[in-house]
Amino acid sequence: MQAVMARAVPGIVGGLIGGVAFGILMQIEDMLPMVAMLIGQTSIVMGWAVHLVISAGLGLGYVVIVGPMVKNVGTGLATGLIWGVVWWMLGALVLMPLFLGMNEMVFVIETMQWKSLMGHLIYGLILGVFFGTTARKMLKRAAAGH
């Protein structure tokens, strides 16, 4: 159980830190009301809440799916960037339009989607680097029984 938590915590925390960085970009670009629309709201505060819940969940998903491959900061960086691109394609280009009833926007790439790609890359970079630097330390502590 300690080994699971030793991986889960850095994934969730890295996801939240990356989510804050991405969220700042989203706030500057006025994207957060659209995120809030996923739960039938339009406020920036609810957009932040939804975005951070998703960010933490994707951080945990990263740990489960990609985490075992991450051995250091370099592999964290590479896998984090790939994770960001994958979730840009799945989230921004497919799931978000579908959940919002904008079926005609699936796989449409315009200015806002390119900005979203930048945010997803920032998110993945921060998540991967954070996980790559902290998970190994936490796993060693868990193995030592601390």
N, C-alpha and C. Protein backbone atom coordinates (compact mmCIF):
# COMPACT_ATOMS: atom_id res chain seq x y z
N MET A 1 0.82 -1.20 0.00
CA MET A 1 0.00 0.00 0.00
C MET A 1 0.86 1.26 0.00
N GLN A 2 2.00 1.21 0.71
CA GLN A 2 2.87 2.38 0.74
C GLN A 2 3.45 2.67 -0.64
N ALA A 3 3.76 1.63 -1.41
CA ALA A 3 4.30 1.83 -2.75
C ALA A 3 3.26 2.48 -3.66
N VAL A 4 2.00 2.07 -3.51
CA VAL A 4 0.92 2.67 -4.31
C VAL A 4 0.80 4.15 -3.97
N MET A 5 0.78 4.48 -2.70
CA MET A 5 0.68 5.87 -2.28
C MET A 5 1.93 6.65 -2.68
N ALA A 6 3.09 5.98 -2.65
CA ALA A 6 4.34 6.65 -3.02
C ALA A 6 4.30 7.08 -4.49
N ARG A 7 3.54 6.40 -5.31
CA ARG A 7 3.37 6.79 -6.72
C ARG A 7 2.17 7.70 -6.90
N ALA A 8 1.09 7.43 -6.19
CA ALA A 8 -0.14 8.20 -6.39
C ALA A 8 0.02 9.65 -5.96
N VAL A 9 0.63 9.89 -4.83
CA VAL A 9 0.74 11.25 -4.31
C VAL A 9 1.49 12.17 -5.27
N PRO A 10 2.68 11.79 -5.76
CA PRO A 10 3.35 12.69 -6.71
C PRO A 10 2.58 12.87 -8.02
N GLY A 11 1.82 11.87 -8.43
CA GLY A 11 1.01 12.01 -9.63
C GLY A 11 -0.11 13.02 -9.43
N ILE A 12 -0.80 12.92 -8.31
CA ILE A 12 -1.89 13.84 -8.02
C ILE A 12 -1.35 15.25 -7.79
N VAL A 13 -0.29 15.38 -6.99
CA VAL A 13 0.28 16.70 -6.72
C VAL A 13 0.86 17.30 -8.00
N GLY A 14 1.58 16.50 -8.77
CA GLY A 14 2.11 16.99 -10.05
C GLY A 14 0.99 17.41 -10.99
N GLY A 15 -0.10 16.64 -10.99
CA GLY A 15 -1.26 16.99 -11.80
C GLY A 15 -1.86 18.31 -11.37
N LEU A 16 -1.93 18.54 -10.07
CA LEU A 16 -2.48 19.80 -9.57
C LEU A 16 -1.57 20.99 -9.88
N ILE A 17 -0.26 20.80 -9.73
CA ILE A 17 0.67 21.89 -10.03
C ILE A 17 0.61 22.21 -11.53
N GLY A 18 0.65 21.18 -12.35
CA GLY A 18 0.51 21.39 -13.79
C GLY A 18 -0.84 22.00 -14.14
N GLY A 19 -1.88 21.58 -13.40
CA GLY A 19 -3.22 22.12 -13.62
C GLY A 19 -3.31 23.60 -13.30
N VAL A 20 -2.61 24.03 -12.26
CA VAL A 20 -2.60 25.46 -11.93
C VAL A 20 -1.93 26.25 -13.05
N ALA A 21 -0.79 25.77 -13.53
CA ALA A 21 -0.09 26.46 -14.61
C ALA A 21 -0.97 26.54 -15.86
N PHE A 22 -1.58 25.43 -16.23
CA PHE A 22 -2.47 25.39 -17.38
C PHE A 22 -3.69 26.27 -17.12
N GLY A 23 -4.20 26.23 -15.91
CA GLY A 23 -5.38 27.03 -15.55
C GLY A 23 -5.13 28.53 -15.68
N ILE A 24 -3.92 28.96 -15.37
CA ILE A 24 -3.59 30.38 -15.53
C ILE A 24 -3.71 30.77 -17.00
N LEU A 25 -3.17 29.93 -17.88
CA LEU A 25 -3.31 30.18 -19.31
C LEU A 25 -4.78 30.19 -19.71
N MET A 26 -5.54 29.23 -19.18
CA MET A 26 -6.96 29.15 -19.50
C MET A 26 -7.71 30.40 -19.02
N GLN A 27 -7.34 30.91 -17.86
CA GLN A 27 -8.00 32.11 -17.36
C GLN A 27 -7.66 33.31 -18.24
N ILE A 28 -6.40 33.44 -18.62
CA ILE A 28 -5.98 34.54 -19.49
C ILE A 28 -6.74 34.49 -20.82
N GLU A 29 -6.95 33.30 -21.33
CA GLU A 29 -7.63 33.13 -22.62
C GLU A 29 -9.15 32.99 -22.48
N ASP A 30 -9.68 33.18 -21.28
CA ASP A 30 -11.12 33.12 -21.00
C ASP A 30 -11.73 31.77 -21.39
N MET A 31 -11.02 30.69 -21.09
CA MET A 31 -11.48 29.35 -21.41
C MET A 31 -12.21 28.67 -20.23
N LEU A 32 -12.04 29.20 -19.02
CA LEU A 32 -12.59 28.51 -17.85
C LEU A 32 -14.12 28.46 -17.82
N PRO A 33 -14.84 29.47 -18.31
CA PRO A 33 -16.30 29.30 -18.34
C PRO A 33 -16.74 28.10 -19.18
N MET A 34 -16.02 27.80 -20.25
CA MET A 34 -16.37 26.63 -21.06
C MET A 34 -16.12 25.34 -20.28
N VAL A 35 -15.06 25.31 -19.49
CA VAL A 35 -14.78 24.14 -18.66
C VAL A 35 -15.91 23.97 -17.64
N ALA A 36 -16.37 25.07 -17.07
CA ALA A 36 -17.47 25.01 -16.10
C ALA A 36 -18.76 24.50 -16.74
N MET A 37 -18.90 24.70 -18.04
CA MET A 37 -20.09 24.22 -18.73
C MET A 37 -20.20 22.70 -18.69
N LEU A 38 -19.11 22.01 -18.41
CA LEU A 38 -19.16 20.55 -18.29
C LEU A 38 -20.08 20.12 -17.16
N ILE A 39 -20.28 21.00 -16.17
CA ILE A 39 -21.21 20.69 -15.07
C ILE A 39 -22.39 21.67 -15.05
N GLY A 40 -22.67 22.27 -16.19
CA GLY A 40 -23.82 23.14 -16.31
C GLY A 40 -23.65 24.52 -15.69
N GLN A 41 -22.42 24.93 -15.48
CA GLN A 41 -22.13 26.24 -14.89
C GLN A 41 -21.35 27.08 -15.90
N THR A 42 -21.13 28.35 -15.55
CA THR A 42 -20.32 29.20 -16.43
C THR A 42 -19.32 30.06 -15.66
N SER A 43 -19.28 29.92 -14.34
CA SER A 43 -18.41 30.80 -13.56
C SER A 43 -16.95 30.36 -13.65
N ILE A 44 -16.07 31.32 -13.53
CA ILE A 44 -14.64 31.05 -13.55
C ILE A 44 -14.26 30.16 -12.36
N VAL A 45 -14.86 30.41 -11.20
CA VAL A 45 -14.55 29.61 -10.01
C VAL A 45 -14.90 28.14 -10.25
N MET A 46 -16.05 27.89 -10.83
CA MET A 46 -16.44 26.50 -11.11
C MET A 46 -15.56 25.92 -12.21
N GLY A 47 -15.14 26.75 -13.16
CA GLY A 47 -14.21 26.30 -14.19
C GLY A 47 -12.90 25.84 -13.58
N TRP A 48 -12.40 26.63 -12.61
CA TRP A 48 -11.18 26.23 -11.90
C TRP A 48 -11.39 24.91 -11.16
N ALA A 49 -12.51 24.79 -10.48
CA ALA A 49 -12.78 23.57 -9.70
C ALA A 49 -12.81 22.34 -10.60
N VAL A 50 -13.55 22.42 -11.68
CA VAL A 50 -13.64 21.29 -12.61
C VAL A 50 -12.26 21.00 -13.21
N HIS A 51 -11.58 22.04 -13.62
CA HIS A 51 -10.25 21.87 -14.23
C HIS A 51 -9.27 21.20 -13.27
N LEU A 52 -9.28 21.60 -12.00
CA LEU A 52 -8.34 21.01 -11.05
C LEU A 52 -8.70 19.57 -10.69
N VAL A 53 -9.97 19.26 -10.65
CA VAL A 53 -10.38 17.86 -10.42
C VAL A 53 -9.90 17.00 -11.59
N ILE A 54 -10.10 17.49 -12.80
CA ILE A 54 -9.62 16.76 -13.98
C ILE A 54 -8.09 16.63 -13.94
N SER A 55 -7.42 17.72 -13.58
CA SER A 55 -5.95 17.71 -13.53
C SER A 55 -5.43 16.67 -12.55
N ALA A 56 -6.04 16.60 -11.37
CA ALA A 56 -5.64 15.60 -10.37
C ALA A 56 -5.92 14.19 -10.88
N GLY A 57 -7.08 14.00 -11.49
CA GLY A 57 -7.43 12.68 -12.03
C GLY A 57 -6.50 12.24 -13.14
N LEU A 58 -6.13 13.16 -14.02
CA LEU A 58 -5.20 12.82 -15.08
C LEU A 58 -3.80 12.57 -14.53
N GLY A 59 -3.44 13.25 -13.45
CA GLY A 59 -2.17 12.98 -12.79
C GLY A 59 -2.15 11.57 -12.23
N LEU A 60 -3.25 11.15 -11.64
CA LEU A 60 -3.35 9.78 -11.12
C LEU A 60 -3.33 8.77 -12.27
N GLY A 61 -4.03 9.09 -13.35
CA GLY A 61 -4.02 8.21 -14.52
C GLY A 61 -2.63 8.05 -15.10
N TYR A 62 -1.88 9.13 -15.11
CA TYR A 62 -0.49 9.11 -15.58
C TYR A 62 0.33 8.12 -14.75
N VAL A 63 0.15 8.14 -13.44
CA VAL A 63 0.87 7.25 -12.54
C VAL A 63 0.55 5.79 -12.87
N VAL A 64 -0.72 5.51 -13.05
CA VAL A 64 -1.15 4.13 -13.29
C VAL A 64 -0.67 3.62 -14.65
N ILE A 65 -0.82 4.45 -15.69
CA ILE A 65 -0.53 4.00 -17.04
C ILE A 65 0.94 4.18 -17.42
N VAL A 66 1.51 5.31 -17.08
CA VAL A 66 2.85 5.66 -17.54
C VAL A 66 3.89 5.57 -16.42
N GLY A 67 3.47 5.75 -15.19
CA GLY A 67 4.37 5.82 -14.06
C GLY A 67 5.45 4.77 -13.99
N PRO A 68 5.14 3.49 -14.22
CA PRO A 68 6.19 2.47 -14.15
C PRO A 68 7.33 2.67 -15.14
N MET A 69 7.10 3.41 -16.22
CA MET A 69 8.16 3.68 -17.21
C MET A 69 9.07 4.82 -16.79
N VAL A 70 8.61 5.63 -15.84
CA VAL A 70 9.36 6.83 -15.47
C VAL A 70 10.45 6.46 -14.46
N LYS A 71 11.69 6.59 -14.90
CA LYS A 71 12.83 6.23 -14.06
C LYS A 71 13.60 7.45 -13.57
N ASN A 72 13.41 8.60 -14.23
CA ASN A 72 14.14 9.81 -13.88
C ASN A 72 13.44 11.02 -14.47
N VAL A 73 14.06 12.17 -14.35
CA VAL A 73 13.46 13.41 -14.86
C VAL A 73 13.31 13.36 -16.38
N GLY A 74 14.29 12.78 -17.07
CA GLY A 74 14.23 12.71 -18.53
C GLY A 74 13.05 11.91 -19.04
N THR A 75 12.84 10.72 -18.47
CA THR A 75 11.69 9.92 -18.90
C THR A 75 10.39 10.56 -18.42
N GLY A 76 10.44 11.25 -17.29
CA GLY A 76 9.26 11.98 -16.83
C GLY A 76 8.90 13.10 -17.80
N LEU A 77 9.89 13.82 -18.24
CA LEU A 77 9.68 14.91 -19.19
C LEU A 77 9.08 14.39 -20.49
N ALA A 78 9.69 13.35 -21.04
CA ALA A 78 9.22 12.79 -22.32
C ALA A 78 7.81 12.23 -22.21
N THR A 79 7.58 11.41 -21.19
CA THR A 79 6.24 10.81 -21.04
C THR A 79 5.20 11.86 -20.68
N GLY A 80 5.61 12.87 -19.93
CA GLY A 80 4.68 13.95 -19.58
C GLY A 80 4.23 14.72 -20.80
N LEU A 81 5.17 15.02 -21.69
CA LEU A 81 4.80 15.74 -22.92
C LEU A 81 3.88 14.89 -23.80
N ILE A 82 4.18 13.61 -23.89
CA ILE A 82 3.31 12.71 -24.67
C ILE A 82 1.93 12.64 -24.02
N TRP A 83 1.88 12.54 -22.68
CA TRP A 83 0.61 12.51 -21.95
C TRP A 83 -0.19 13.78 -22.25
N GLY A 84 0.48 14.91 -22.28
CA GLY A 84 -0.19 16.17 -22.60
C GLY A 84 -0.79 16.17 -24.00
N VAL A 85 -0.05 15.67 -24.97
CA VAL A 85 -0.55 15.62 -26.35
C VAL A 85 -1.73 14.66 -26.46
N VAL A 86 -1.60 13.51 -25.83
CA VAL A 86 -2.69 12.52 -25.87
C VAL A 86 -3.97 13.13 -25.29
N TRP A 87 -3.86 13.80 -24.14
CA TRP A 87 -5.06 14.36 -23.52
C TRP A 87 -5.56 15.61 -24.23
N TRP A 88 -4.69 16.29 -24.96
CA TRP A 88 -5.17 17.38 -25.82
C TRP A 88 -6.06 16.79 -26.91
N MET A 89 -5.58 15.69 -27.53
CA MET A 89 -6.37 15.07 -28.60
C MET A 89 -7.68 14.50 -28.05
N LEU A 90 -7.59 13.75 -26.95
CA LEU A 90 -8.79 13.13 -26.38
C LEU A 90 -9.72 14.17 -25.75
N GLY A 91 -9.13 15.03 -24.92
CA GLY A 91 -9.95 15.97 -24.16
C GLY A 91 -10.44 17.16 -24.96
N ALA A 92 -9.51 17.94 -25.48
CA ALA A 92 -9.87 19.19 -26.16
C ALA A 92 -10.50 18.96 -27.53
N LEU A 93 -10.02 17.94 -28.24
CA LEU A 93 -10.50 17.75 -29.60
C LEU A 93 -11.67 16.78 -29.73
N VAL A 94 -11.90 15.95 -28.71
CA VAL A 94 -12.99 14.97 -28.81
C VAL A 94 -13.98 15.09 -27.65
N LEU A 95 -13.53 14.81 -26.43
CA LEU A 95 -14.46 14.72 -25.31
C LEU A 95 -15.15 16.04 -24.97
N MET A 96 -14.39 17.12 -24.91
CA MET A 96 -14.98 18.41 -24.56
C MET A 96 -16.09 18.80 -25.56
N PRO A 97 -15.81 18.78 -26.87
CA PRO A 97 -16.89 19.12 -27.79
C PRO A 97 -18.09 18.18 -27.68
N LEU A 98 -17.83 16.89 -27.51
CA LEU A 98 -18.94 15.94 -27.40
C LEU A 98 -19.77 16.19 -26.14
N PHE A 99 -19.11 16.38 -25.00
CA PHE A 99 -19.83 16.62 -23.74
C PHE A 99 -20.63 17.91 -23.78
N LEU A 100 -20.17 18.88 -24.57
CA LEU A 100 -20.86 20.17 -24.64
C LEU A 100 -21.85 20.22 -25.81
N GLY A 101 -22.05 19.09 -26.49
CA GLY A 101 -23.01 19.05 -27.60
C GLY A 101 -22.54 19.79 -28.84
N MET A 102 -21.22 19.95 -28.97
CA MET A 102 -20.65 20.65 -30.12
C MET A 102 -20.01 19.63 -31.07
N ASN A 103 -20.81 18.67 -31.51
CA ASN A 103 -20.29 17.56 -32.31
C ASN A 103 -19.54 18.03 -33.55
N GLU A 104 -19.96 19.16 -34.10
CA GLU A 104 -19.30 19.68 -35.30
C GLU A 104 -17.88 20.19 -35.02
N MET A 105 -17.52 20.32 -33.74
CA MET A 105 -16.20 20.81 -33.36
C MET A 105 -15.19 19.69 -33.07
N VAL A 106 -15.64 18.42 -33.16
CA VAL A 106 -14.73 17.30 -32.91
C VAL A 106 -13.63 17.31 -33.96
N PHE A 107 -12.41 17.28 -33.52
CA PHE A 107 -11.19 17.31 -34.34
C PHE A 107 -11.03 18.58 -35.18
N VAL A 108 -11.72 19.66 -34.79
CA VAL A 108 -11.50 20.95 -35.44
C VAL A 108 -10.36 21.63 -34.70
N ILE A 109 -9.39 22.12 -35.46
CA ILE A 109 -8.23 22.78 -34.85
C ILE A 109 -8.16 24.21 -35.37
N GLU A 110 -8.50 25.12 -34.47
CA GLU A 110 -8.42 26.55 -34.75
C GLU A 110 -7.54 27.19 -33.69
N THR A 111 -7.50 28.48 -33.61
CA THR A 111 -6.62 29.19 -32.68
C THR A 111 -6.78 28.72 -31.25
N MET A 112 -7.99 28.57 -30.77
CA MET A 112 -8.21 28.18 -29.37
C MET A 112 -7.66 26.78 -29.10
N GLN A 113 -7.78 25.88 -30.05
CA GLN A 113 -7.27 24.53 -29.86
C GLN A 113 -5.74 24.53 -29.81
N TRP A 114 -5.09 25.41 -30.58
CA TRP A 114 -3.63 25.50 -30.51
C TRP A 114 -3.21 26.03 -29.15
N LYS A 115 -3.96 26.99 -28.62
CA LYS A 115 -3.66 27.50 -27.28
C LYS A 115 -3.87 26.39 -26.24
N SER A 116 -4.89 25.58 -26.46
CA SER A 116 -5.14 24.45 -25.57
C SER A 116 -3.98 23.45 -25.64
N LEU A 117 -3.44 23.22 -26.83
CA LEU A 117 -2.29 22.33 -26.95
C LEU A 117 -1.13 22.86 -26.11
N MET A 118 -0.89 24.16 -26.18
CA MET A 118 0.19 24.75 -25.38
C MET A 118 -0.05 24.47 -23.89
N GLY A 119 -1.28 24.65 -23.44
CA GLY A 119 -1.60 24.38 -22.04
C GLY A 119 -1.42 22.92 -21.67
N HIS A 120 -1.84 22.02 -22.55
CA HIS A 120 -1.67 20.59 -22.28
C HIS A 120 -0.19 20.20 -22.25
N LEU A 121 0.62 20.82 -23.09
CA LEU A 121 2.06 20.55 -23.07
C LEU A 121 2.69 21.06 -21.77
N ILE A 122 2.28 22.24 -21.34
CA ILE A 122 2.77 22.78 -20.07
C ILE A 122 2.37 21.85 -18.93
N TYR A 123 1.11 21.44 -18.93
CA TYR A 123 0.60 20.51 -17.91
C TYR A 123 1.44 19.23 -17.89
N GLY A 124 1.60 18.59 -19.05
CA GLY A 124 2.33 17.34 -19.12
C GLY A 124 3.78 17.49 -18.72
N LEU A 125 4.40 18.58 -19.13
CA LEU A 125 5.80 18.84 -18.77
C LEU A 125 5.96 18.93 -17.26
N ILE A 126 5.12 19.72 -16.62
CA ILE A 126 5.20 19.89 -15.17
C ILE A 126 4.89 18.58 -14.45
N LEU A 127 3.83 17.90 -14.86
CA LEU A 127 3.47 16.62 -14.26
C LEU A 127 4.62 15.62 -14.38
N GLY A 128 5.16 15.46 -15.58
CA GLY A 128 6.22 14.47 -15.80
C GLY A 128 7.49 14.78 -15.04
N VAL A 129 7.89 16.04 -15.04
CA VAL A 129 9.12 16.43 -14.33
C VAL A 129 8.92 16.27 -12.82
N PHE A 130 7.77 16.71 -12.32
CA PHE A 130 7.50 16.58 -10.89
C PHE A 130 7.49 15.10 -10.49
N PHE A 131 6.79 14.28 -11.26
CA PHE A 131 6.73 12.86 -10.95
C PHE A 131 8.12 12.23 -11.06
N GLY A 132 8.86 12.57 -12.10
CA GLY A 132 10.19 12.01 -12.30
C GLY A 132 11.16 12.36 -11.18
N THR A 133 10.98 13.52 -10.56
CA THR A 133 11.89 13.92 -9.48
C THR A 133 11.44 13.44 -8.11
N THR A 134 10.16 13.27 -7.90
CA THR A 134 9.68 12.94 -6.55
C THR A 134 9.30 11.48 -6.35
N ALA A 135 8.80 10.82 -7.36
CA ALA A 135 8.30 9.44 -7.17
C ALA A 135 9.40 8.50 -6.70
N ARG A 136 10.56 8.62 -7.30
CA ARG A 136 11.66 7.73 -6.93
C ARG A 136 12.03 7.90 -5.45
N LYS A 137 12.09 9.15 -4.99
CA LYS A 137 12.41 9.42 -3.59
C LYS A 137 11.34 8.84 -2.67
N MET A 138 10.07 9.01 -3.06
CA MET A 138 8.98 8.50 -2.23
C MET A 138 8.97 6.98 -2.21
N LEU A 139 9.31 6.34 -3.33
CA LEU A 139 9.35 4.88 -3.38
C LEU A 139 10.47 4.35 -2.47
N LYS A 140 11.62 5.03 -2.46
CA LYS A 140 12.71 4.62 -1.59
C LYS A 140 12.31 4.74 -0.12
N ARG A 141 11.61 5.83 0.21
CA ARG A 141 11.13 6.01 1.59
C ARG A 141 10.13 4.92 1.96
N ALA A 142 9.22 4.62 1.04
CA ALA A 142 8.22 3.58 1.32
C ALA A 142 8.89 2.23 1.53
N ALA A 143 9.90 1.93 0.71
CA ALA A 143 10.60 0.66 0.84
C ALA A 143 11.36 0.58 2.18
N ALA A 144 11.81 1.74 2.65
CA ALA A 144 12.53 1.77 3.92
C ALA A 144 11.58 1.79 5.12
N GLY A 145 10.27 1.90 4.83
CA GLY A 145 9.27 1.87 5.90
C GLY A 145 9.01 3.21 6.56
N HIS A 146 9.35 4.30 5.91
CA HIS A 146 9.10 5.64 6.47
C HIS A 146 7.80 6.20 5.99
